[in-house]
PDB file of N, CA and C in Angstrom:
ATOM      1  N   MET A   1      70.507 -10.383  88.793  1.00  0.00           N
ATOM      2  CA  MET A   1      71.921 -10.640  88.842  1.00  0.00           C
ATOM      3  C   MET A   1      72.416 -11.256  87.589  1.00  0.00           C
ATOM      4  N   LYS A   2      73.408 -10.696  86.946  1.00  0.00           N
ATOM      5  CA  LYS A   2      73.898 -11.241  85.643  1.00  0.00           C
ATOM      6  C   LYS A   2      75.146 -12.071  85.876  1.00  0.00           C
ATOM      7  N   VAL A   3      75.236 -13.256  85.590  1.00  0.00           N
ATOM      8  CA  VAL A   3      76.415 -14.121  85.701  1.00  0.00           C
ATOM      9  C   VAL A   3      77.424 -13.780  84.656  1.00  0.00           C
ATOM     10  N   VAL A   4      78.667 -13.290  84.924  1.00  0.00           N
ATOM     11  CA  VAL A   4      79.588 -12.975  83.993  1.00  0.00           C
ATOM     12  C   VAL A   4      80.452 -14.241  83.623  1.00  0.00           C
ATOM     13  N   ASN A   5      80.894 -14.920  84.621  1.00  0.00           N
ATOM     14  CA  ASN A   5      81.744 -15.959  84.482  1.00  0.00           C
ATOM     15  C   ASN A   5      80.921 -17.305  84.992  1.00  0.00           C
ATOM     16  N   LYS A   6      80.420 -18.150  83.948  1.00  0.00           N
ATOM     17  CA  LYS A   6      79.678 -19.265  84.249  1.00  0.00           C
ATOM     18  C   LYS A   6      80.294 -20.330  84.988  1.00  0.00           C
ATOM     19  N   GLY A   7      81.650 -20.567  84.593  1.00  0.00           N
ATOM     20  CA  GLY A   7      82.359 -21.773  85.143  1.00  0.00           C
ATOM     21  C   GLY A   7      82.664 -21.332  86.631  1.00  0.00           C
ATOM     22  N   LYS A   8      83.094 -20.136  86.871  1.00  0.00           N
ATOM     23  CA  LYS A   8      83.354 -19.793  88.259  1.00  0.00           C
ATOM     24  C   LYS A   8      82.038 -19.778  89.186  1.00  0.00           C
ATOM     25  N   PHE A   9      80.999 -19.414  88.641  1.00  0.00           N
ATOM     26  CA  PHE A   9      79.665 -19.518  89.237  1.00  0.00           C
ATOM     27  C   PHE A   9      79.309 -20.858  89.646  1.00  0.00           C
ATOM     28  N   ILE A  10      79.421 -21.882  88.689  1.00  0.00           N
ATOM     29  CA  ILE A  10      79.173 -23.177  89.010  1.00  0.00           C
ATOM     30  C   ILE A  10      80.107 -23.811  89.969  1.00  0.00           C
ATOM     31  N   SER A  11      81.359 -23.477  89.873  1.00  0.00           N
ATOM     32  CA  SER A  11      82.316 -23.950  90.826  1.00  0.00           C
ATOM     33  C   SER A  11      82.033 -23.509  92.253  1.00  0.00           C
ATOM     34  N   ARG A  12      81.619 -22.245  92.401  1.00  0.00           N
ATOM     35  CA  ARG A  12      81.251 -21.692  93.623  1.00  0.00           C
ATOM     36  C   ARG A  12      79.933 -22.356  94.235  1.00  0.00           C
ATOM     37  N   MET A  13      78.988 -22.530  93.410  1.00  0.00           N
ATOM     38  CA  MET A  13      77.886 -23.278  93.810  1.00  0.00           C
ATOM     39  C   MET A  13      78.016 -24.670  94.437  1.00  0.00           C
ATOM     40  N   ILE A  14      78.993 -25.343  93.655  1.00  0.00           N
ATOM     41  CA  ILE A  14      79.256 -26.764  94.042  1.00  0.00           C
ATOM     42  C   ILE A  14      80.052 -26.623  95.444  1.00  0.00           C
ATOM     43  N   GLU A  15      80.871 -25.696  95.619  1.00  0.00           N
ATOM     44  CA  GLU A  15      81.629 -25.559  96.880  1.00  0.00           C
ATOM     45  C   GLU A  15      80.574 -25.120  98.018  1.00  0.00           C
ATOM     46  N   PHE A  16      79.629 -24.287  97.683  1.00  0.00           N
ATOM     47  CA  PHE A  16      78.604 -23.908  98.622  1.00  0.00           C
ATOM     48  C   PHE A  16      77.798 -25.169  99.122  1.00  0.00           C
ATOM     49  N   LEU A  17      77.392 -25.954  98.138  1.00  0.00           N
ATOM     50  CA  LEU A  17      76.767 -27.256  98.513  1.00  0.00           C
ATOM     51  C   LEU A  17      77.623 -28.190  99.285  1.00  0.00           C
ATOM     52  N   ILE A  18      78.839 -28.246  99.097  1.00  0.00           N
ATOM     53  CA  ILE A  18      79.754 -29.192  99.830  1.00  0.00           C
ATOM     54  C   ILE A  18      79.807 -28.599 101.338  1.00  0.00           C
ATOM     55  N   ILE A  19      79.931 -27.322 101.464  1.00  0.00           N
ATOM     56  CA  ILE A  19      79.930 -26.738 102.754  1.00  0.00           C
ATOM     57  C   ILE A  19      78.660 -27.000 103.552  1.00  0.00           C
ATOM     58  N   ILE A  20      77.540 -26.845 102.933  1.00  0.00           N
ATOM     59  CA  ILE A  20      76.288 -27.075 103.639  1.00  0.00           C
ATOM     60  C   ILE A  20      76.130 -28.542 103.891  1.00  0.00           C
ATOM     61  N   GLY A  21      76.593 -29.367 103.049  1.00  0.00           N
ATOM     62  CA  GLY A  21      76.514 -30.806 103.207  1.00  0.00           C
ATOM     63  C   GLY A  21      77.402 -31.269 104.463  1.00  0.00           C
ATOM     64  N   THR A  22      78.544 -30.733 104.540  1.00  0.00           N
ATOM     65  CA  THR A  22      79.444 -31.128 105.740  1.00  0.00           C
ATOM     66  C   THR A  22      78.748 -30.678 106.956  1.00  0.00           C
ATOM     67  N   ILE A  23      78.266 -29.336 106.955  1.00  0.00           N
ATOM     68  CA  ILE A  23      77.664 -28.871 108.104  1.00  0.00           C
ATOM     69  C   ILE A  23      76.479 -29.809 108.664  1.00  0.00           C
ATOM     70  N   ILE A  24      75.557 -30.243 107.608  1.00  0.00           N
ATOM     71  CA  ILE A  24      74.473 -31.072 108.049  1.00  0.00           C
ATOM     72  C   ILE A  24      75.008 -32.487 108.317  1.00  0.00           C
ATOM     73  N   LEU A  25      75.923 -33.088 107.627  1.00  0.00           N
ATOM     74  CA  LEU A  25      76.293 -34.462 107.778  1.00  0.00           C
ATOM     75  C   LEU A  25      77.191 -34.819 108.999  1.00  0.00           C
ATOM     76  N   THR A  26      77.953 -33.842 109.380  1.00  0.00           N
ATOM     77  CA  THR A  26      79.030 -34.258 110.436  1.00  0.00           C
ATOM     78  C   THR A  26      78.184 -34.434 111.715  1.00  0.00           C
ATOM     79  N   PRO A  27      77.329 -33.591 112.354  1.00  0.00           N
ATOM     80  CA  PRO A  27      76.624 -34.043 113.589  1.00  0.00           C
ATOM     81  C   PRO A  27      75.865 -35.280 113.464  1.00  0.00           C
ATOM     82  N   LYS A  28      75.181 -35.560 112.294  1.00  0.00           N
ATOM     83  CA  LYS A  28      74.440 -36.761 112.121  1.00  0.00           C
ATOM     84  C   LYS A  28      75.331 -37.983 112.168  1.00  0.00           C
ATOM     85  N   ALA A  29      76.467 -37.819 111.567  1.00  0.00           N
ATOM     86  CA  ALA A  29      77.405 -38.910 111.655  1.00  0.00           C
ATOM     87  C   ALA A  29      78.123 -39.158 112.963  1.00  0.00           C
ATOM     88  N   ILE A  30      78.203 -38.237 113.691  1.00  0.00           N
ATOM     89  CA  ILE A  30      78.742 -38.290 115.008  1.00  0.00           C
ATOM     90  C   ILE A  30      77.742 -39.051 115.992  1.00  0.00           C
ATOM     91  N   THR A  31      76.485 -38.583 115.885  1.00  0.00           N
ATOM     92  CA  THR A  31      75.476 -39.069 116.723  1.00  0.00           C
ATOM     93  C   THR A  31      75.255 -40.612 116.341  1.00  0.00           C
ATOM     94  N   TYR A  32      75.232 -40.895 114.964  1.00  0.00           N
ATOM     95  CA  TYR A  32      75.026 -42.261 114.444  1.00  0.00           C
ATOM     96  C   TYR A  32      76.195 -43.137 115.035  1.00  0.00           C
ATOM     97  N   ALA A  33      77.385 -42.731 114.928  1.00  0.00           N
ATOM     98  CA  ALA A  33      78.590 -43.504 115.327  1.00  0.00           C
ATOM     99  C   ALA A  33      78.601 -43.778 116.796  1.00  0.00           C
ATOM    100  N   ASN A  34      78.166 -42.835 117.635  1.00  0.00           N
ATOM    101  CA  ASN A  34      78.092 -42.906 119.036  1.00  0.00           C
ATOM    102  C   ASN A  34      76.982 -44.047 119.478  1.00  0.00           C
ATOM    103  N   ILE A  35      75.840 -43.956 118.731  1.00  0.00           N
ATOM    104  CA  ILE A  35      74.837 -44.933 118.972  1.00  0.00           C
ATOM    105  C   ILE A  35      75.227 -46.326 118.552  1.00  0.00           C
ATOM    106  N   CYS A  36      75.905 -46.487 117.425  1.00  0.00           N
ATOM    107  CA  CYS A  36      76.524 -47.811 117.116  1.00  0.00           C
ATOM    108  C   CYS A  36      77.501 -48.345 117.984  1.00  0.00           C
ATOM    109  N   ARG A  37      78.274 -47.499 118.379  1.00  0.00           N
ATOM    110  CA  ARG A  37      79.482 -47.881 119.348  1.00  0.00           C
ATOM    111  C   ARG A  37      78.695 -48.211 120.788  1.00  0.00           C
ATOM    112  N   GLY A  38      77.848 -47.439 121.218  1.00  0.00           N
ATOM    113  CA  GLY A  38      77.389 -47.605 122.479  1.00  0.00           C
ATOM    114  C   GLY A  38      77.962 -46.667 123.585  1.00  0.00           C
ATOM    115  N   TYR A  39      78.904 -46.021 123.184  1.00  0.00           N
ATOM    116  CA  TYR A  39      79.689 -45.019 124.065  1.00  0.00           C
ATOM    117  C   TYR A  39      80.181 -43.889 123.091  1.00  0.00           C
ATOM    118  N   LYS A  40      80.664 -42.872 123.896  1.00  0.00           N
ATOM    119  CA  LYS A  40      80.985 -41.637 123.128  1.00  0.00           C
ATOM    120  C   LYS A  40      82.581 -41.865 122.786  1.00  0.00           C
ATOM    121  N   GLY A  41      82.800 -41.834 121.455  1.00  0.00           N
ATOM    122  CA  GLY A  41      84.153 -42.041 121.066  1.00  0.00           C
ATOM    123  C   GLY A  41      84.586 -41.175 119.899  1.00  0.00           C
ATOM    124  N   TYR A  42      85.751 -41.116 119.602  1.00  0.00           N
ATOM    125  CA  TYR A  42      86.275 -40.195 118.501  1.00  0.00           C
ATOM    126  C   TYR A  42      86.805 -41.012 117.316  1.00  0.00           C
ATOM    127  N   GLY A  43      86.190 -40.944 116.164  1.00  0.00           N
ATOM    128  CA  GLY A  43      86.647 -41.638 115.155  1.00  0.00           C
ATOM    129  C   GLY A  43      86.606 -40.856 113.733  1.00  0.00           C
ATOM    130  N   GLY A  44      86.538 -41.639 112.626  1.00  0.00           N
ATOM    131  CA  GLY A  44      86.656 -41.056 111.254  1.00  0.00           C
ATOM    132  C   GLY A  44      85.476 -39.994 110.987  1.00  0.00           C
ATOM    133  N   GLU A  45      84.475 -40.119 111.857  1.00  0.00           N
ATOM    134  CA  GLU A  45      83.323 -39.046 111.566  1.00  0.00           C
ATOM    135  C   GLU A  45      83.710 -37.681 111.684  1.00  0.00           C
ATOM    136  N   TYR A  46      84.723 -37.472 112.470  1.00  0.00           N
ATOM    137  CA  TYR A  46      85.242 -36.237 112.695  1.00  0.00           C
ATOM    138  C   TYR A  46      86.138 -35.585 111.656  1.00  0.00           C
ATOM    139  N   LEU A  47      86.409 -36.456 110.604  1.00  0.00           N
ATOM    140  CA  LEU A  47      87.221 -35.981 109.410  1.00  0.00           C
ATOM    141  C   LEU A  47      86.383 -35.620 108.306  1.00  0.00           C
ATOM    142  N   ILE A  48      84.970 -35.622 108.400  1.00  0.00           N
ATOM    143  CA  ILE A  48      84.176 -35.257 107.446  1.00  0.00           C
ATOM    144  C   ILE A  48      84.349 -33.812 106.966  1.00  0.00           C
ATOM    145  N   PRO A  49      84.643 -32.747 107.760  1.00  0.00           N
ATOM    146  CA  PRO A  49      84.829 -31.502 107.433  1.00  0.00           C
ATOM    147  C   PRO A  49      86.145 -31.276 106.668  1.00  0.00           C
ATOM    148  N   VAL A  50      87.223 -32.032 107.045  1.00  0.00           N
ATOM    149  CA  VAL A  50      88.479 -32.079 106.335  1.00  0.00           C
ATOM    150  C   VAL A  50      88.335 -32.567 105.016  1.00  0.00           C
ATOM    151  N   LEU A  51      87.562 -33.673 104.756  1.00  0.00           N
ATOM    152  CA  LEU A  51      87.284 -34.140 103.374  1.00  0.00           C
ATOM    153  C   LEU A  51      86.554 -33.136 102.616  1.00  0.00           C
ATOM    154  N   GLY A  52      85.469 -32.430 103.188  1.00  0.00           N
ATOM    155  CA  GLY A  52      84.864 -31.362 102.409  1.00  0.00           C
ATOM    156  C   GLY A  52      85.776 -30.265 102.011  1.00  0.00           C
ATOM    157  N   LEU A  53      86.761 -29.842 102.858  1.00  0.00           N
ATOM    158  CA  LEU A  53      87.746 -28.843 102.564  1.00  0.00           C
ATOM    159  C   LEU A  53      88.656 -29.268 101.383  1.00  0.00           C
ATOM    160  N   LEU A  54      88.988 -30.631 101.518  1.00  0.00           N
ATOM    161  CA  LEU A  54      89.926 -31.235 100.433  1.00  0.00           C
ATOM    162  C   LEU A  54      89.160 -31.292  99.018  1.00  0.00           C
ATOM    163  N   ALA A  55      87.863 -31.625  99.023  1.00  0.00           N
ATOM    164  CA  ALA A  55      87.133 -31.567  97.943  1.00  0.00           C
ATOM    165  C   ALA A  55      87.025 -30.181  97.382  1.00  0.00           C
ATOM    166  N   ILE A  56      86.786 -29.138  98.272  1.00  0.00           N
ATOM    167  CA  ILE A  56      86.823 -27.691  97.675  1.00  0.00           C
ATOM    168  C   ILE A  56      88.111 -27.279  97.075  1.00  0.00           C
ATOM    169  N   LEU A  57      89.274 -27.742  97.621  1.00  0.00           N
ATOM    170  CA  LEU A  57      90.586 -27.468  97.080  1.00  0.00           C
ATOM    171  C   LEU A  57      90.840 -28.069  95.793  1.00  0.00           C
ATOM    172  N   VAL A  58      90.306 -29.270  95.573  1.00  0.00           N
ATOM    173  CA  VAL A  58      90.369 -29.960  94.310  1.00  0.00           C
ATOM    174  C   VAL A  58      89.559 -29.301  93.239  1.00  0.00           C
ATOM    175  N   ILE A  59      88.355 -28.879  93.583  1.00  0.00           N
ATOM    176  CA  ILE A  59      87.503 -28.089  92.581  1.00  0.00           C
ATOM    177  C   ILE A  59      88.134 -26.883  92.157  1.00  0.00           C
ATOM    178  N   GLU A  60      88.714 -26.123  93.183  1.00  0.00           N
ATOM    179  CA  GLU A  60      89.511 -24.776  92.864  1.00  0.00           C
ATOM    180  C   GLU A  60      90.653 -25.058  91.932  1.00  0.00           C
ATOM    181  N   THR A  61      91.404 -26.179  92.302  1.00  0.00           N
ATOM    182  CA  THR A  61      92.568 -26.462  91.295  1.00  0.00           C
ATOM    183  C   THR A  61      92.126 -26.781  89.956  1.00  0.00           C
ATOM    184  N   ILE A  62      91.125 -27.642  89.727  1.00  0.00           N
ATOM    185  CA  ILE A  62      90.731 -28.017  88.611  1.00  0.00           C
ATOM    186  C   ILE A  62      90.109 -26.719  87.714  1.00  0.00           C
ATOM    187  N   TYR A  63      89.492 -25.916  88.402  1.00  0.00           N
ATOM    188  CA  TYR A  63      88.833 -24.583  87.832  1.00  0.00           C
ATOM    189  C   TYR A  63      90.077 -23.951  87.275  1.00  0.00           C
ATOM    190  N   GLU A  64      91.062 -23.559  88.092  1.00  0.00           N
ATOM    191  CA  GLU A  64      92.231 -22.760  87.733  1.00  0.00           C
ATOM    192  C   GLU A  64      93.057 -23.356  86.501  1.00  0.00           C
ATOM    193  N   GLU A  65      93.158 -24.681  86.619  1.00  0.00           N
ATOM    194  CA  GLU A  65      93.943 -25.231  85.547  1.00  0.00           C
ATOM    195  C   GLU A  65      93.114 -25.108  84.188  1.00  0.00           C
ATOM    196  N   PHE A  66      91.747 -25.283  84.176  1.00  0.00           N
ATOM    197  CA  PHE A  66      90.976 -25.201  83.018  1.00  0.00           C
ATOM    198  C   PHE A  66      90.967 -23.755  82.568  1.00  0.00           C
ATOM    199  N   GLU A  67      90.957 -22.787  83.345  1.00  0.00           N
ATOM    200  CA  GLU A  67      91.094 -21.341  82.912  1.00  0.00           C
ATOM    201  C   GLU A  67      92.388 -21.112  82.442  1.00  0.00           C
ATOM    202  N   LYS A  68      93.501 -21.672  82.847  1.00  0.00           N
ATOM    203  CA  LYS A  68      94.834 -21.578  82.384  1.00  0.00           C
ATOM    204  C   LYS A  68      94.984 -22.109  80.935  1.00  0.00           C
ATOM    205  N   THR A  69      94.456 -23.319  80.727  1.00  0.00           N
ATOM    206  CA  THR A  69      94.505 -23.963  79.379  1.00  0.00           C
ATOM    207  C   THR A  69      93.663 -23.122  78.327  1.00  0.00           C
ATOM    208  N   LYS A  70      92.526 -22.637  78.861  1.00  0.00           N
ATOM    209  CA  LYS A  70      91.582 -21.887  78.068  1.00  0.00           C
ATOM    210  C   LYS A  70      92.213 -20.464  77.621  1.00  0.00           C
ATOM    211  N   ARG A  71      93.123 -19.872  78.438  1.00  0.00           N
ATOM    212  CA  ARG A  71      93.721 -18.683  78.022  1.00  0.00           C
ATOM    213  C   ARG A  71      94.821 -18.971  77.043  1.00  0.00           C
ATOM    214  N   GLY A  72      95.390 -20.173  76.912  1.00  0.00           N
ATOM    215  CA  GLY A  72      96.347 -20.239  75.834  1.00  0.00           C
ATOM    216  C   GLY A  72      97.588 -21.124  76.197  1.00  0.00           C
ATOM    217  N   GLY A  73      97.164 -22.276  76.818  1.00  0.00           N
ATOM    218  CA  GLY A  73      98.344 -23.194  76.885  1.00  0.00           C
ATOM    219  C   GLY A  73      99.123 -23.092  78.282  1.00  0.00           C
ATOM    220  N   LYS A  74     100.246 -23.548  78.242  1.00  0.00           N
ATOM    221  CA  LYS A  74     101.042 -23.677  79.493  1.00  0.00           C
ATOM    222  C   LYS A  74     101.436 -22.258  80.113  1.00  0.00           C
ATOM    223  N   HIS A  75     101.693 -21.260  79.301  1.00  0.00           N
ATOM    224  CA  HIS A  75     102.217 -20.033  79.842  1.00  0.00           C
ATOM    225  C   HIS A  75     101.099 -18.883  79.657  1.00  0.00           C
ATOM    226  N   GLY A  76     100.003 -19.202  79.215  1.00  0.00           N
ATOM    227  CA  GLY A  76      98.969 -18.112  78.981  1.00  0.00           C
ATOM    228  C   GLY A  76      99.200 -17.223  77.740  1.00  0.00           C
ATOM    229  N   LYS A  77      98.530 -16.134  77.631  1.00  0.00           N
ATOM    230  CA  LYS A  77      98.659 -15.248  76.452  1.00  0.00           C
ATOM    231  C   LYS A  77     100.042 -14.492  76.721  1.00  0.00           C
ATOM    232  N   ARG A  78     100.666 -14.272  75.523  1.00  0.00           N
ATOM    233  CA  ARG A  78     101.921 -13.431  75.398  1.00  0.00           C
ATOM    234  C   ARG A  78     101.616 -12.324  74.595  1.00  0.00           C
TER     235      ARG A  78
END
C-alpha cells in the first residue's frame, strides 16, 4: 500500500487510536467508578466517548486548515 497523502494518513491513524482508546477506556472507567461509589450511578465517565468525538473533530479541523493554508492562503489557489 502506497501512502499518497501522508498528513491525512497520520490524522486518520490518530483518529483510529482515539476510537480504540475510548472503546477500551469507557467500560473500565464505568466499572471503576461504580466500585469507588459502592453503587451503580451515572457520572462523567459516560462522557468519555463524547470527548473522543470532540478530539476527532478538532483533529479534522486542524488538518483541513493546514491543507487550506498549504494550498495558498485564505482563499486557496486562483
